[in-house]
Amino acid sequence: MPEKLLEFNKLEMTNLLQNEKNHKFFIERIKK
């Protein structure tokens, strides 16, 4: 169900952002 994949991805992004330990990963990934 391809439509579920993007829903799951959005959920995971939100979950990861709640933890400050993941911020460095996001910053480096977005810079790239």
PDB file of all heavy atoms in Angstrom:
ATOM      1  N   MET A   1       0.862  -1.189   0.000  1.00  0.00           N
ATOM      2  CA  MET A   1       0.000   0.000   0.000  1.00  0.00           C
ATOM      3  C   MET A   1       0.897   1.237   0.000  1.00  0.00           C
ATOM      4  O   MET A   1       1.255   1.751   1.071  1.00  0.00           O
ATOM      5  CB  MET A   1      -0.924  -0.019   1.215  1.00  0.00           C
ATOM      6  CG  MET A   1      -1.934  -1.154   1.195  1.00  0.00           C
ATOM      7  SD  MET A   1      -3.076  -1.104   2.602  1.00  0.00           S
ATOM      8  CE  MET A   1      -1.985  -1.662   3.929  1.00  0.00           C
ATOM      9  N   PRO A   2       1.282   1.700  -1.183  1.00  0.00           N
ATOM     10  CA  PRO A   2       2.251   2.812  -1.280  1.00  0.00           C
ATOM     11  C   PRO A   2       1.864   4.053  -0.500  1.00  0.00           C
ATOM     12  O   PRO A   2       2.735   4.769   0.003  1.00  0.00           O
ATOM     13  CB  PRO A   2       2.286   3.099  -2.796  1.00  0.00           C
ATOM     14  CG  PRO A   2       1.903   1.809  -3.431  1.00  0.00           C
ATOM     15  CD  PRO A   2       0.889   1.201  -2.507  1.00  0.00           C
ATOM     16  N   GLU A   3       0.561   4.317  -0.386  1.00  0.00           N
ATOM     17  CA  GLU A   3       0.141   5.515   0.334  1.00  0.00           C
ATOM     18  C   GLU A   3       0.530   5.451   1.813  1.00  0.00           C
ATOM     19  O   GLU A   3       0.706   6.482   2.472  1.00  0.00           O
ATOM     20  CB  GLU A   3      -1.377   5.736   0.199  1.00  0.00           C
ATOM     21  CG  GLU A   3      -2.259   4.722   0.905  1.00  0.00           C
ATOM     22  CD  GLU A   3      -2.458   3.411   0.140  1.00  0.00           C
ATOM     23  OE1 GLU A   3      -1.875   3.278  -0.952  1.00  0.00           O
ATOM     24  OE2 GLU A   3      -3.197   2.545   0.635  1.00  0.00           O
ATOM     25  N   LYS A   4       0.661   4.227   2.353  1.00  0.00           N
ATOM     26  CA  LYS A   4       1.032   4.063   3.761  1.00  0.00           C
ATOM     27  C   LYS A   4       2.499   4.413   4.006  1.00  0.00           C
ATOM     28  O   LYS A   4       2.876   4.838   5.096  1.00  0.00           O
ATOM     29  CB  LYS A   4       0.782   2.615   4.216  1.00  0.00           C
ATOM     30  CG  LYS A   4      -0.679   2.219   4.285  1.00  0.00           C
ATOM     31  CD  LYS A   4      -1.386   2.989   5.365  1.00  0.00           C
ATOM     32  CE  LYS A   4      -2.848   2.571   5.493  1.00  0.00           C
ATOM     33  NZ  LYS A   4      -3.570   3.446   6.423  1.00  0.00           N
ATOM     34  N   LEU A   5       3.334   4.199   2.979  1.00  0.00           N
ATOM     35  CA  LEU A   5       4.772   4.420   3.156  1.00  0.00           C
ATOM     36  C   LEU A   5       5.063   5.858   3.563  1.00  0.00           C
ATOM     37  O   LEU A   5       5.828   6.103   4.504  1.00  0.00           O
ATOM     38  CB  LEU A   5       5.514   4.064   1.862  1.00  0.00           C
ATOM     39  CG  LEU A   5       7.032   4.288   1.885  1.00  0.00           C
ATOM     40  CD1 LEU A   5       7.672   3.466   2.992  1.00  0.00           C
ATOM     41  CD2 LEU A   5       7.640   3.933   0.533  1.00  0.00           C
ATOM     42  N   LEU A   6       4.456   6.819   2.876  1.00  0.00           N
ATOM     43  CA  LEU A   6       4.709   8.223   3.199  1.00  0.00           C
ATOM     44  C   LEU A   6       4.107   8.611   4.544  1.00  0.00           C
ATOM     45  O   LEU A   6       4.659   9.451   5.264  1.00  0.00           O
ATOM     46  CB  LEU A   6       4.181   9.122   2.084  1.00  0.00           C
ATOM     47  CG  LEU A   6       4.884   8.959   0.728  1.00  0.00           C
ATOM     48  CD1 LEU A   6       4.305   9.915  -0.293  1.00  0.00           C
ATOM     49  CD2 LEU A   6       6.392   9.170   0.864  1.00  0.00           C
ATOM     50  N   GLU A   7       2.974   7.982   4.895  1.00  0.00           N
ATOM     51  CA  GLU A   7       2.396   8.223   6.222  1.00  0.00           C
ATOM     52  C   GLU A   7       3.361   7.756   7.313  1.00  0.00           C
ATOM     53  O   GLU A   7       3.603   8.459   8.301  1.00  0.00           O
ATOM     54  CB  GLU A   7       1.074   7.466   6.372  1.00  0.00           C
ATOM     55  CG  GLU A   7      -0.081   8.036   5.566  1.00  0.00           C
ATOM     56  CD  GLU A   7      -1.357   7.227   5.764  1.00  0.00           C
ATOM     57  OE1 GLU A   7      -1.471   6.551   6.818  1.00  0.00           O
ATOM     58  OE2 GLU A   7      -2.236   7.264   4.887  1.00  0.00           O
ATOM     59  N   PHE A   8       3.900   6.551   7.121  1.00  0.00           N
ATOM     60  CA  PHE A   8       4.853   6.003   8.091  1.00  0.00           C
ATOM     61  C   PHE A   8       6.109   6.873   8.167  1.00  0.00           C
ATOM     62  O   PHE A   8       6.671   7.096   9.234  1.00  0.00           O
ATOM     63  CB  PHE A   8       5.243   4.571   7.716  1.00  0.00           C
ATOM     64  CG  PHE A   8       4.153   3.554   7.918  1.00  0.00           C
ATOM     65  CD1 PHE A   8       4.005   2.484   7.042  1.00  0.00           C
ATOM     66  CD2 PHE A   8       3.278   3.650   8.985  1.00  0.00           C
ATOM     67  CE1 PHE A   8       3.000   1.544   7.220  1.00  0.00           C
ATOM     68  CE2 PHE A   8       2.271   2.705   9.178  1.00  0.00           C
ATOM     69  CZ  PHE A   8       2.139   1.654   8.290  1.00  0.00           C
ATOM     70  N   ASN A   9       6.547   7.360   7.022  1.00  0.00           N
ATOM     71  CA  ASN A   9       7.769   8.165   6.995  1.00  0.00           C
ATOM     72  C   ASN A   9       7.585   9.481   7.738  1.00  0.00           C
ATOM     73  O   ASN A   9       8.471   9.933   8.470  1.00  0.00           O
ATOM     74  CB  ASN A   9       8.188   8.432   5.547  1.00  0.00           C
ATOM     75  CG  ASN A   9       9.679   8.616   5.415  1.00  0.00           C
ATOM     76  OD1 ASN A   9      10.460   7.749   5.794  1.00  0.00           O
ATOM     77  ND2 ASN A   9      10.106   9.759   4.900  1.00  0.00           N
ATOM     78  N   LYS A  10       6.419  10.076   7.570  1.00  0.00           N
ATOM     79  CA  LYS A  10       6.123  11.334   8.271  1.00  0.00           C
ATOM     80  C   LYS A  10       6.081  11.103   9.787  1.00  0.00           C
ATOM     81  O   LYS A  10       6.593  11.903  10.568  1.00  0.00           O
ATOM     82  CB  LYS A  10       4.793  11.898   7.775  1.00  0.00           C
ATOM     83  CG  LYS A  10       4.479  13.280   8.309  1.00  0.00           C
ATOM     84  CD  LYS A  10       3.141  13.809   7.797  1.00  0.00           C
ATOM     85  CE  LYS A  10       3.207  14.200   6.336  1.00  0.00           C
ATOM     86  NZ  LYS A  10       1.982  14.910   5.891  1.00  0.00           N
ATOM     87  N   LEU A  11       5.475   9.974  10.193  1.00  0.00           N
ATOM     88  CA  LEU A  11       5.426   9.624  11.617  1.00  0.00           C
ATOM     89  C   LEU A  11       6.823   9.439  12.190  1.00  0.00           C
ATOM     90  O   LEU A  11       7.136   9.929  13.279  1.00  0.00           O
ATOM     91  CB  LEU A  11       4.627   8.325  11.806  1.00  0.00           C
ATOM     92  CG  LEU A  11       3.106   8.419  11.815  1.00  0.00           C
ATOM     93  CD1 LEU A  11       2.502   7.022  11.771  1.00  0.00           C
ATOM     94  CD2 LEU A  11       2.620   9.160  13.060  1.00  0.00           C
ATOM     95  N   GLU A  12       7.659   8.737  11.453  1.00  0.00           N
ATOM     96  CA  GLU A  12       9.012   8.471  11.940  1.00  0.00           C
ATOM     97  C   GLU A  12       9.821   9.762  12.025  1.00  0.00           C
ATOM     98  O   GLU A  12      10.594   9.960  12.973  1.00  0.00           O
ATOM     99  CB  GLU A  12       9.701   7.456  11.020  1.00  0.00           C
ATOM    100  CG  GLU A  12      11.150   7.151  11.358  1.00  0.00           C
ATOM    101  CD  GLU A  12      11.366   6.477  12.709  1.00  0.00           C
ATOM    102  OE1 GLU A  12      10.405   6.389  13.516  1.00  0.00           O
ATOM    103  OE2 GLU A  12      12.500   6.044  12.977  1.00  0.00           O
ATOM    104  N   MET A  13       9.653  10.644  11.047  1.00  0.00           N
ATOM    105  CA  MET A  13      10.363  11.924  11.077  1.00  0.00           C
ATOM    106  C   MET A  13       9.972  12.726  12.320  1.00  0.00           C
ATOM    107  O   MET A  13      10.834  13.286  13.013  1.00  0.00           O
ATOM    108  CB  MET A  13      10.045  12.709   9.801  1.00  0.00           C
ATOM    109  CG  MET A  13      10.754  14.041   9.698  1.00  0.00           C
ATOM    110  SD  MET A  13      10.776  14.698   8.009  1.00  0.00           S
ATOM    111  CE  MET A  13       9.087  14.442   7.495  1.00  0.00           C
ATOM    112  N   THR A  14       8.677  12.747  12.613  1.00  0.00           N
ATOM    113  CA  THR A  14       8.190  13.465  13.799  1.00  0.00           C
ATOM    114  C   THR A  14       8.753  12.852  15.074  1.00  0.00           C
ATOM    115  O   THR A  14       9.198  13.559  15.987  1.00  0.00           O
ATOM    116  CB  THR A  14       6.648  13.443  13.844  1.00  0.00           C
ATOM    117  OG1 THR A  14       6.133  14.061  12.656  1.00  0.00           O
ATOM    118  CG2 THR A  14       6.118  14.193  15.056  1.00  0.00           C
ATOM    119  N   ASN A  15       8.746  11.513  15.139  1.00  0.00           N
ATOM    120  CA  ASN A  15       9.271  10.818  16.323  1.00  0.00           C
ATOM    121  C   ASN A  15      10.757  11.113  16.531  1.00  0.00           C
ATOM    122  O   ASN A  15      11.207  11.367  17.655  1.00  0.00           O
ATOM    123  CB  ASN A  15       9.064   9.306  16.186  1.00  0.00           C
ATOM    124  CG  ASN A  15       7.602   8.906  16.254  1.00  0.00           C
ATOM    125  OD1 ASN A  15       6.766   9.663  16.732  1.00  0.00           O
ATOM    126  ND2 ASN A  15       7.286   7.719  15.762  1.00  0.00           N
ATOM    127  N   LEU A  16      11.515  11.078  15.451  1.00  0.00           N
ATOM    128  CA  LEU A  16      12.959  11.300  15.551  1.00  0.00           C
ATOM    129  C   LEU A  16      13.279  12.736  15.957  1.00  0.00           C
ATOM    130  O   LEU A  16      14.221  12.986  16.718  1.00  0.00           O
ATOM    131  CB  LEU A  16      13.639  10.972  14.217  1.00  0.00           C
ATOM    132  CG  LEU A  16      13.688   9.494  13.824  1.00  0.00           C
ATOM    133  CD1 LEU A  16      14.191   9.334  12.399  1.00  0.00           C
ATOM    134  CD2 LEU A  16      14.569   8.697  14.789  1.00  0.00           C
ATOM    135  N   LEU A  17      12.481  13.683  15.472  1.00  0.00           N
ATOM    136  CA  LEU A  17      12.729  15.096  15.776  1.00  0.00           C
ATOM    137  C   LEU A  17      12.498  15.428  17.252  1.00  0.00           C
ATOM    138  O   LEU A  17      13.061  16.391  17.778  1.00  0.00           O
ATOM    139  CB  LEU A  17      11.830  15.981  14.915  1.00  0.00           C
ATOM    140  CG  LEU A  17      12.434  16.524  13.627  1.00  0.00           C
ATOM    141  CD1 LEU A  17      11.390  17.265  12.807  1.00  0.00           C
ATOM    142  CD2 LEU A  17      13.629  17.432  13.921  1.00  0.00           C
ATOM    143  N   GLN A  18      11.683  14.637  17.922  1.00  0.00           N
ATOM    144  CA  GLN A  18      11.385  14.896  19.329  1.00  0.00           C
ATOM    145  C   GLN A  18      12.594  14.658  20.228  1.00  0.00           C
ATOM    146  O   GLN A  18      12.655  15.152  21.346  1.00  0.00           O
ATOM    147  CB  GLN A  18      10.219  14.014  19.779  1.00  0.00           C
ATOM    148  CG  GLN A  18       8.877  14.435  19.180  1.00  0.00           C
ATOM    149  CD  GLN A  18       7.767  13.458  19.510  1.00  0.00           C
ATOM    150  OE1 GLN A  18       7.989  12.432  20.158  1.00  0.00           O
ATOM    151  NE2 GLN A  18       6.550  13.763  19.067  1.00  0.00           N
ATOM    152  N   ASN A  19      13.553  13.901  19.732  1.00  0.00           N
ATOM    153  CA  ASN A  19      14.760  13.600  20.509  1.00  0.00           C
ATOM    154  C   ASN A  19      15.902  14.502  20.025  1.00  0.00           C
ATOM    155  O   ASN A  19      16.335  14.420  18.876  1.00  0.00           O
ATOM    156  CB  ASN A  19      15.132  12.122  20.317  1.00  0.00           C
ATOM    157  CG  ASN A  19      16.255  11.694  21.241  1.00  0.00           C
ATOM    158  OD1 ASN A  19      17.028  12.511  21.736  1.00  0.00           O
ATOM    159  ND2 ASN A  19      16.356  10.390  21.473  1.00  0.00           N
ATOM    160  N   GLU A  20      16.387  15.362  20.898  1.00  0.00           N
ATOM    161  CA  GLU A  20      17.432  16.310  20.522  1.00  0.00           C
ATOM    162  C   GLU A  20      18.711  15.627  20.064  1.00  0.00           C
ATOM    163  O   GLU A  20      19.497  16.210  19.317  1.00  0.00           O
ATOM    164  CB  GLU A  20      17.746  17.240  21.702  1.00  0.00           C
ATOM    165  CG  GLU A  20      16.648  18.247  21.981  1.00  0.00           C
ATOM    166  CD  GLU A  20      17.055  19.263  23.028  1.00  0.00           C
ATOM    167  OE1 GLU A  20      18.237  19.261  23.422  1.00  0.00           O
ATOM    168  OE2 GLU A  20      16.186  20.046  23.460  1.00  0.00           O
ATOM    169  N   LYS A  21      18.912  14.387  20.503  1.00  0.00           N
ATOM    170  CA  LYS A  21      20.111  13.659  20.083  1.00  0.00           C
ATOM    171  C   LYS A  21      20.142  13.420  18.571  1.00  0.00           C
ATOM    172  O   LYS A  21      21.196  13.168  17.996  1.00  0.00           O
ATOM    173  CB  LYS A  21      20.189  12.316  20.818  1.00  0.00           C
ATOM    174  CG  LYS A  21      20.441  12.443  22.313  1.00  0.00           C
ATOM    175  CD  LYS A  21      20.484  11.071  22.981  1.00  0.00           C
ATOM    176  CE  LYS A  21      20.729  11.195  24.479  1.00  0.00           C
ATOM    177  NZ  LYS A  21      20.738   9.859  25.145  1.00  0.00           N
ATOM    178  N   ASN A  22      18.961  13.466  17.946  1.00  0.00           N
ATOM    179  CA  ASN A  22      18.890  13.232  16.498  1.00  0.00           C
ATOM    180  C   ASN A  22      19.068  14.505  15.673  1.00  0.00           C
ATOM    181  O   ASN A  22      19.161  14.438  14.441  1.00  0.00           O
ATOM    182  CB  ASN A  22      17.535  12.602  16.132  1.00  0.00           C
ATOM    183  CG  ASN A  22      17.348  11.232  16.744  1.00  0.00           C
ATOM    184  OD1 ASN A  22      18.290  10.440  16.805  1.00  0.00           O
ATOM    185  ND2 ASN A  22      16.148  10.938  17.212  1.00  0.00           N
ATOM    186  N   HIS A  23      19.106  15.659  16.335  1.00  0.00           N
ATOM    187  CA  HIS A  23      19.148  16.925  15.600  1.00  0.00           C
ATOM    188  C   HIS A  23      20.404  17.057  14.744  1.00  0.00           C
ATOM    189  O   HIS A  23      20.355  17.577  13.624  1.00  0.00           O
ATOM    190  CB  HIS A  23      19.037  18.100  16.573  1.00  0.00           C
ATOM    191  CG  HIS A  23      17.661  18.242  17.147  1.00  0.00           C
ATOM    192  ND1 HIS A  23      17.312  19.232  18.042  1.00  0.00           N
ATOM    193  CD2 HIS A  23      16.520  17.515  16.951  1.00  0.00           C
ATOM    194  CE1 HIS A  23      16.031  19.102  18.379  1.00  0.00           C
ATOM    195  NE2 HIS A  23      15.541  18.063  17.730  1.00  0.00           N
ATOM    196  N   LYS A  24      21.524  16.601  15.271  1.00  0.00           N
ATOM    197  CA  LYS A  24      22.777  16.694  14.509  1.00  0.00           C
ATOM    198  C   LYS A  24      22.667  15.901  13.205  1.00  0.00           C
ATOM    199  O   LYS A  24      23.117  16.367  12.150  1.00  0.00           O
ATOM    200  CB  LYS A  24      23.951  16.185  15.343  1.00  0.00           C
ATOM    201  CG  LYS A  24      25.291  16.357  14.644  1.00  0.00           C
ATOM    202  CD  LYS A  24      26.451  15.881  15.519  1.00  0.00           C
ATOM    203  CE  LYS A  24      27.782  16.050  14.787  1.00  0.00           C
ATOM    204  NZ  LYS A  24      28.929  15.570  15.603  1.00  0.00           N
ATOM    205  N   PHE A  25      22.048  14.715  13.291  1.00  0.00           N
ATOM    206  CA  PHE A  25      21.850  13.902  12.079  1.00  0.00           C
ATOM    207  C   PHE A  25      21.018  14.671  11.060  1.00  0.00           C
ATOM    208  O   PHE A  25      21.369  14.722   9.872  1.00  0.00           O
ATOM    209  CB  PHE A  25      21.141  12.588  12.429  1.00  0.00           C
ATOM    210  CG  PHE A  25      20.419  11.961  11.257  1.00  0.00           C
ATOM    211  CD1 PHE A  25      21.109  11.264  10.288  1.00  0.00           C
ATOM    212  CD2 PHE A  25      19.039  12.115  11.119  1.00  0.00           C
ATOM    213  CE1 PHE A  25      20.442  10.706   9.191  1.00  0.00           C
ATOM    214  CE2 PHE A  25      18.364  11.566  10.034  1.00  0.00           C
ATOM    215  CZ  PHE A  25      19.071  10.857   9.072  1.00  0.00           C
ATOM    216  N   PHE A  26      19.914  15.259  11.516  1.00  0.00           N
ATOM    217  CA  PHE A  26      19.041  15.996  10.597  1.00  0.00           C
ATOM    218  C   PHE A  26      19.778  17.171   9.959  1.00  0.00           C
ATOM    219  O   PHE A  26      19.662  17.415   8.759  1.00  0.00           O
ATOM    220  CB  PHE A  26      17.794  16.503  11.333  1.00  0.00           C
ATOM    221  CG  PHE A  26      16.721  15.465  11.484  1.00  0.00           C
ATOM    222  CD1 PHE A  26      16.418  14.917  12.725  1.00  0.00           C
ATOM    223  CD2 PHE A  26      15.999  15.028  10.385  1.00  0.00           C
ATOM    224  CE1 PHE A  26      15.425  13.964  12.868  1.00  0.00           C
ATOM    225  CE2 PHE A  26      14.996  14.078  10.513  1.00  0.00           C
ATOM    226  CZ  PHE A  26      14.710  13.544  11.750  1.00  0.00           C
ATOM    227  N   ILE A  27      20.530  17.908  10.768  1.00  0.00           N
ATOM    228  CA  ILE A  27      21.247  19.078  10.256  1.00  0.00           C
ATOM    229  C   ILE A  27      22.241  18.674   9.164  1.00  0.00           C
ATOM    230  O   ILE A  27      22.286  19.273   8.087  1.00  0.00           O
ATOM    231  CB  ILE A  27      21.961  19.811  11.411  1.00  0.00           C
ATOM    232  CG1 ILE A  27      20.923  20.496  12.313  1.00  0.00           C
ATOM    233  CG2 ILE A  27      22.970  20.827  10.870  1.00  0.00           C
ATOM    234  CD1 ILE A  27      21.493  21.008  13.625  1.00  0.00           C
ATOM    235  N   GLU A  28      23.026  17.633   9.441  1.00  0.00           N
ATOM    236  CA  GLU A  28      24.019  17.198   8.466  1.00  0.00           C
ATOM    237  C   GLU A  28      23.369  16.640   7.208  1.00  0.00           C
ATOM    238  O   GLU A  28      23.839  16.879   6.086  1.00  0.00           O
ATOM    239  CB  GLU A  28      24.947  16.141   9.092  1.00  0.00           C
ATOM    240  CG  GLU A  28      25.821  16.671  10.215  1.00  0.00           C
ATOM    241  CD  GLU A  28      26.631  17.896   9.804  1.00  0.00           C
ATOM    242  OE1 GLU A  28      27.242  17.847   8.706  1.00  0.00           O
ATOM    243  OE2 GLU A  28      26.636  18.888  10.542  1.00  0.00           O
ATOM    244  N   ARG A  29      22.277  15.906   7.396  1.00  0.00           N
ATOM    245  CA  ARG A  29      21.579  15.323   6.248  1.00  0.00           C
ATOM    246  C   ARG A  29      20.996  16.418   5.349  1.00  0.00           C
ATOM    247  O   ARG A  29      21.107  16.355   4.121  1.00  0.00           O
ATOM    248  CB  ARG A  29      20.465  14.398   6.752  1.00  0.00           C
ATOM    249  CG  ARG A  29      19.581  13.795   5.669  1.00  0.00           C
ATOM    250  CD  ARG A  29      20.348  12.851   4.783  1.00  0.00           C
ATOM    251  NE  ARG A  29      19.490  12.272   3.761  1.00  0.00           N
ATOM    252  CZ  ARG A  29      19.903  11.854   2.585  1.00  0.00           C
ATOM    253  NH1 ARG A  29      21.193  11.964   2.274  1.00  0.00           N
ATOM    254  NH2 ARG A  29      19.075  11.342   1.711  1.00  0.00           N
ATOM    255  N   ILE A  30      20.381  17.428   5.957  1.00  0.00           N
ATOM    256  CA  ILE A  30      19.754  18.498   5.177  1.00  0.00           C
ATOM    257  C   ILE A  30      20.821  19.368   4.498  1.00  0.00           C
ATOM    258  O   ILE A  30      20.651  19.792   3.356  1.00  0.00           O
ATOM    259  CB  ILE A  30      18.816  19.334   6.061  1.00  0.00           C
ATOM    260  CG1 ILE A  30      17.596  18.471   6.452  1.00  0.00           C
ATOM    261  CG2 ILE A  30      18.352  20.597   5.351  1.00  0.00           C
ATOM    262  CD1 ILE A  30      16.704  19.081   7.492  1.00  0.00           C
ATOM    263  N   LYS A  31      21.912  19.614   5.184  1.00  0.00           N
ATOM    264  CA  LYS A  31      23.010  20.359   4.546  1.00  0.00           C
ATOM    265  C   LYS A  31      23.471  19.657   3.270  1.00  0.00           C
ATOM    266  O   LYS A  31      23.668  20.302   2.226  1.00  0.00           O
ATOM    267  CB  LYS A  31      24.193  20.497   5.517  1.00  0.00           C
ATOM    268  CG  LYS A  31      24.050  21.597   6.536  1.00  0.00           C
ATOM    269  CD  LYS A  31      25.298  21.687   7.409  1.00  0.00           C
ATOM    270  CE  LYS A  31      25.139  22.790   8.457  1.00  0.00           C
ATOM    271  NZ  LYS A  31      26.312  22.876   9.359  1.00  0.00           N
ATOM    272  N   LYS A  32      23.618  18.360   3.375  1.00  0.00           N
ATOM    273  CA  LYS A  32      24.062  17.588   2.212  1.00  0.00           C
ATOM    274  C   LYS A  32      23.049  17.671   1.077  1.00  0.00           C
ATOM    275  O   LYS A  32      23.408  17.862  -0.093  1.00  0.00           O
ATOM    276  CB  LYS A  32      24.282  16.125   2.620  1.00  0.00           C
ATOM    277  CG  LYS A  32      24.821  15.245   1.488  1.00  0.00           C
ATOM    278  CD  LYS A  32      25.024  13.813   1.958  1.00  0.00           C
ATOM    279  CE  LYS A  32      25.532  12.943   0.800  1.00  0.00           C
ATOM    280  NZ  LYS A  32      25.671  11.525   1.200  1.00  0.00           N
TER     281      LYS A  32
END
